[in-house]
Amino acid sequence: MITTRFSACLAALAATALLGAGVASAAAGQRASCMGIAVSSAAGQPGLVADLTQQFHQELKDAGIPPGAGDSSFAKFHEGSLEVCLAPA
């Protein structure tokens, strides 16, 4: 279960990554997970992934969800691009 706030944070990561990523997202392999694509897209933005991960984990803890649950869910999807990974279901 991913909270709305968690989804909003992922969308913020996507927007930031898409604005600053350029070719960085191309570094992720075709079979990369959505988590791998998102992290690769944030390359070159020091501290962004760490800051957002800490925020996501705290939001999940506050909601009573194990902090790795969101990471695990996002890492299981292999959608092929950041845009598709973060598209509303």
C-alpha atoms as a PDB file:
ATOM      1  CA  MET A   1       0.000   0.000   0.000  1.00  0.00           C
ATOM      2  CA  ILE A   2       1.487   3.299  -1.026  1.00  0.00           C
ATOM      3  CA  THR A   3       0.076   6.451   0.529  1.00  0.00           C
ATOM      4  CA  THR A   4      -1.053   9.460  -1.474  1.00  0.00           C
ATOM      5  CA  ARG A   5       1.711  11.523   0.120  1.00  0.00           C
ATOM      6  CA  PHE A   6       4.279   8.889  -0.926  1.00  0.00           C
ATOM      7  CA  SER A   7       2.929   9.033  -4.477  1.00  0.00           C
ATOM      8  CA  ALA A   8       3.142  12.825  -4.417  1.00  0.00           C
ATOM      9  CA  CYS A   9       6.767  12.610  -3.294  1.00  0.00           C
ATOM     10  CA  LEU A  10       7.533  10.212  -6.124  1.00  0.00           C
ATOM     11  CA  ALA A  11       5.904  12.667  -8.522  1.00  0.00           C
ATOM     12  CA  ALA A  12       8.121  15.426  -7.118  1.00  0.00           C
ATOM     13  CA  LEU A  13      11.163  13.220  -7.694  1.00  0.00           C
ATOM     14  CA  ALA A  14       9.984  12.610 -11.244  1.00  0.00           C
ATOM     15  CA  ALA A  15       9.491  16.294 -11.973  1.00  0.00           C
ATOM     16  CA  THR A  16      12.879  17.177 -10.524  1.00  0.00           C
ATOM     17  CA  ALA A  17      14.558  14.316 -12.326  1.00  0.00           C
ATOM     18  CA  LEU A  18      12.929  15.067 -15.655  1.00  0.00           C
ATOM     19  CA  LEU A  19      13.923  18.727 -15.464  1.00  0.00           C
ATOM     20  CA  GLY A  20      17.535  18.008 -14.563  1.00  0.00           C
ATOM     21  CA  ALA A  21      18.248  14.516 -15.816  1.00  0.00           C
ATOM     22  CA  GLY A  22      18.909  15.054 -19.492  1.00  0.00           C
ATOM     23  CA  VAL A  23      20.686  11.911 -20.630  1.00  0.00           C
ATOM     24  CA  ALA A  24      21.070  10.510 -17.105  1.00  0.00           C
ATOM     25  CA  SER A  25      17.907   8.417 -17.337  1.00  0.00           C
ATOM     26  CA  ALA A  26      19.301   6.753 -20.439  1.00  0.00           C
ATOM     27  CA  ALA A  27      21.960   5.214 -18.185  1.00  0.00           C
ATOM     28  CA  ALA A  28      19.388   2.867 -16.661  1.00  0.00           C
ATOM     29  CA  GLY A  29      19.169  -0.417 -18.549  1.00  0.00           C
ATOM     30  CA  GLN A  30      16.049  -1.387 -20.492  1.00  0.00           C
ATOM     31  CA  ARG A  31      15.176  -3.979 -17.850  1.00  0.00           C
ATOM     32  CA  ALA A  32      15.836  -1.662 -14.906  1.00  0.00           C
ATOM     33  CA  SER A  33      13.210  -1.448 -12.202  1.00  0.00           C
ATOM     34  CA  CYS A  34      11.241   1.734 -11.699  1.00  0.00           C
ATOM     35  CA  MET A  35      13.343   2.308  -8.569  1.00  0.00           C
ATOM     36  CA  GLY A  36      16.536   1.978 -10.615  1.00  0.00           C
ATOM     37  CA  ILE A  37      15.217   4.329 -13.283  1.00  0.00           C
ATOM     38  CA  ALA A  38      14.159   6.931 -10.693  1.00  0.00           C
ATOM     39  CA  VAL A  39      17.514   6.817  -8.911  1.00  0.00           C
ATOM     40  CA  SER A  40      19.398   6.968 -12.202  1.00  0.00           C
ATOM     41  CA  SER A  41      17.298   9.956 -13.260  1.00  0.00           C
ATOM     42  CA  ALA A  42      18.348  11.819 -10.118  1.00  0.00           C
ATOM     43  CA  ALA A  43      22.037  11.362 -10.911  1.00  0.00           C
ATOM     44  CA  GLY A  44      23.924  14.602 -10.729  1.00  0.00           C
ATOM     45  CA  GLN A  45      21.644  16.026  -8.049  1.00  0.00           C
ATOM     46  CA  PRO A  46      23.639  15.386  -4.857  1.00  0.00           C
ATOM     47  CA  GLY A  47      21.566  14.430  -1.851  1.00  0.00           C
ATOM     48  CA  LEU A  48      18.213  14.346  -3.684  1.00  0.00           C
ATOM     49  CA  VAL A  49      17.677  10.600  -3.462  1.00  0.00           C
ATOM     50  CA  ALA A  50      18.826  10.449   0.164  1.00  0.00           C
ATOM     51  CA  ASP A  51      16.585  13.342   1.190  1.00  0.00           C
ATOM     52  CA  LEU A  52      13.503  11.990  -0.585  1.00  0.00           C
ATOM     53  CA  THR A  53      14.132   8.446   0.657  1.00  0.00           C
ATOM     54  CA  GLN A  54      14.313   9.700   4.234  1.00  0.00           C
ATOM     55  CA  GLN A  55      11.075  11.650   3.733  1.00  0.00           C
ATOM     56  CA  PHE A  56       9.296   8.650   2.121  1.00  0.00           C
ATOM     57  CA  HIS A  57      10.388   6.325   4.902  1.00  0.00           C
ATOM     58  CA  GLN A  58       9.192   8.734   7.586  1.00  0.00           C
ATOM     59  CA  GLU A  59       5.814   9.141   5.864  1.00  0.00           C
ATOM     60  CA  LEU A  60       5.425   5.370   5.688  1.00  0.00           C
ATOM     61  CA  LYS A  61       6.433   4.939   9.344  1.00  0.00           C
ATOM     62  CA  ASP A  62       3.926   7.617  10.344  1.00  0.00           C
ATOM     63  CA  ALA A  63       1.233   5.704   8.444  1.00  0.00           C
ATOM     64  CA  GLY A  64       2.178   2.458  10.217  1.00  0.00           C
ATOM     65  CA  ILE A  65       3.668   0.906   7.093  1.00  0.00           C
ATOM     66  CA  PRO A  66       7.118  -0.724   7.151  1.00  0.00           C
ATOM     67  CA  PRO A  67       9.506   1.817   5.598  1.00  0.00           C
ATOM     68  CA  GLY A  68      10.833  -0.577   2.973  1.00  0.00           C
ATOM     69  CA  ALA A  69       7.362  -1.467   1.658  1.00  0.00           C
ATOM     70  CA  GLY A  70       7.289   1.410  -0.817  1.00  0.00           C
ATOM     71  CA  ASP A  71      10.824   0.699  -1.983  1.00  0.00           C
ATOM     72  CA  SER A  72       9.989  -2.966  -2.460  1.00  0.00           C
ATOM     73  CA  SER A  73       6.813  -2.241  -4.413  1.00  0.00           C
ATOM     74  CA  PHE A  74       8.460   0.326  -6.680  1.00  0.00           C
ATOM     75  CA  ALA A  75      11.436  -1.955  -7.306  1.00  0.00           C
ATOM     76  CA  LYS A  76       9.196  -4.784  -8.553  1.00  0.00           C
ATOM     77  CA  PHE A  77       7.896  -2.791 -11.506  1.00  0.00           C
ATOM     78  CA  HIS A  78       9.892  -2.777 -14.740  1.00  0.00           C
ATOM     79  CA  GLU A  79       7.948  -0.329 -16.889  1.00  0.00           C
ATOM     80  CA  GLY A  80      10.789   0.971 -19.062  1.00  0.00           C
ATOM     81  CA  SER A  81      10.706   4.726 -18.453  1.00  0.00           C
ATOM     82  CA  LEU A  82      10.332   7.166 -15.592  1.00  0.00           C
ATOM     83  CA  GLU A  83       7.230   8.667 -17.163  1.00  0.00           C
ATOM     84  CA  VAL A  84       5.492   5.277 -17.334  1.00  0.00           C
ATOM     85  CA  CYS A  85       6.704   4.232 -13.868  1.00  0.00           C
ATOM     86  CA  LEU A  86       5.163   7.318 -12.259  1.00  0.00           C
ATOM     87  CA  ALA A  87       1.984   7.507 -14.341  1.00  0.00           C
ATOM     88  CA  PRO A  88      -1.190   7.268 -12.250  1.00  0.00           C
ATOM     89  CA  ALA A  89      -2.599   3.749 -12.215  1.00  0.00           C
END
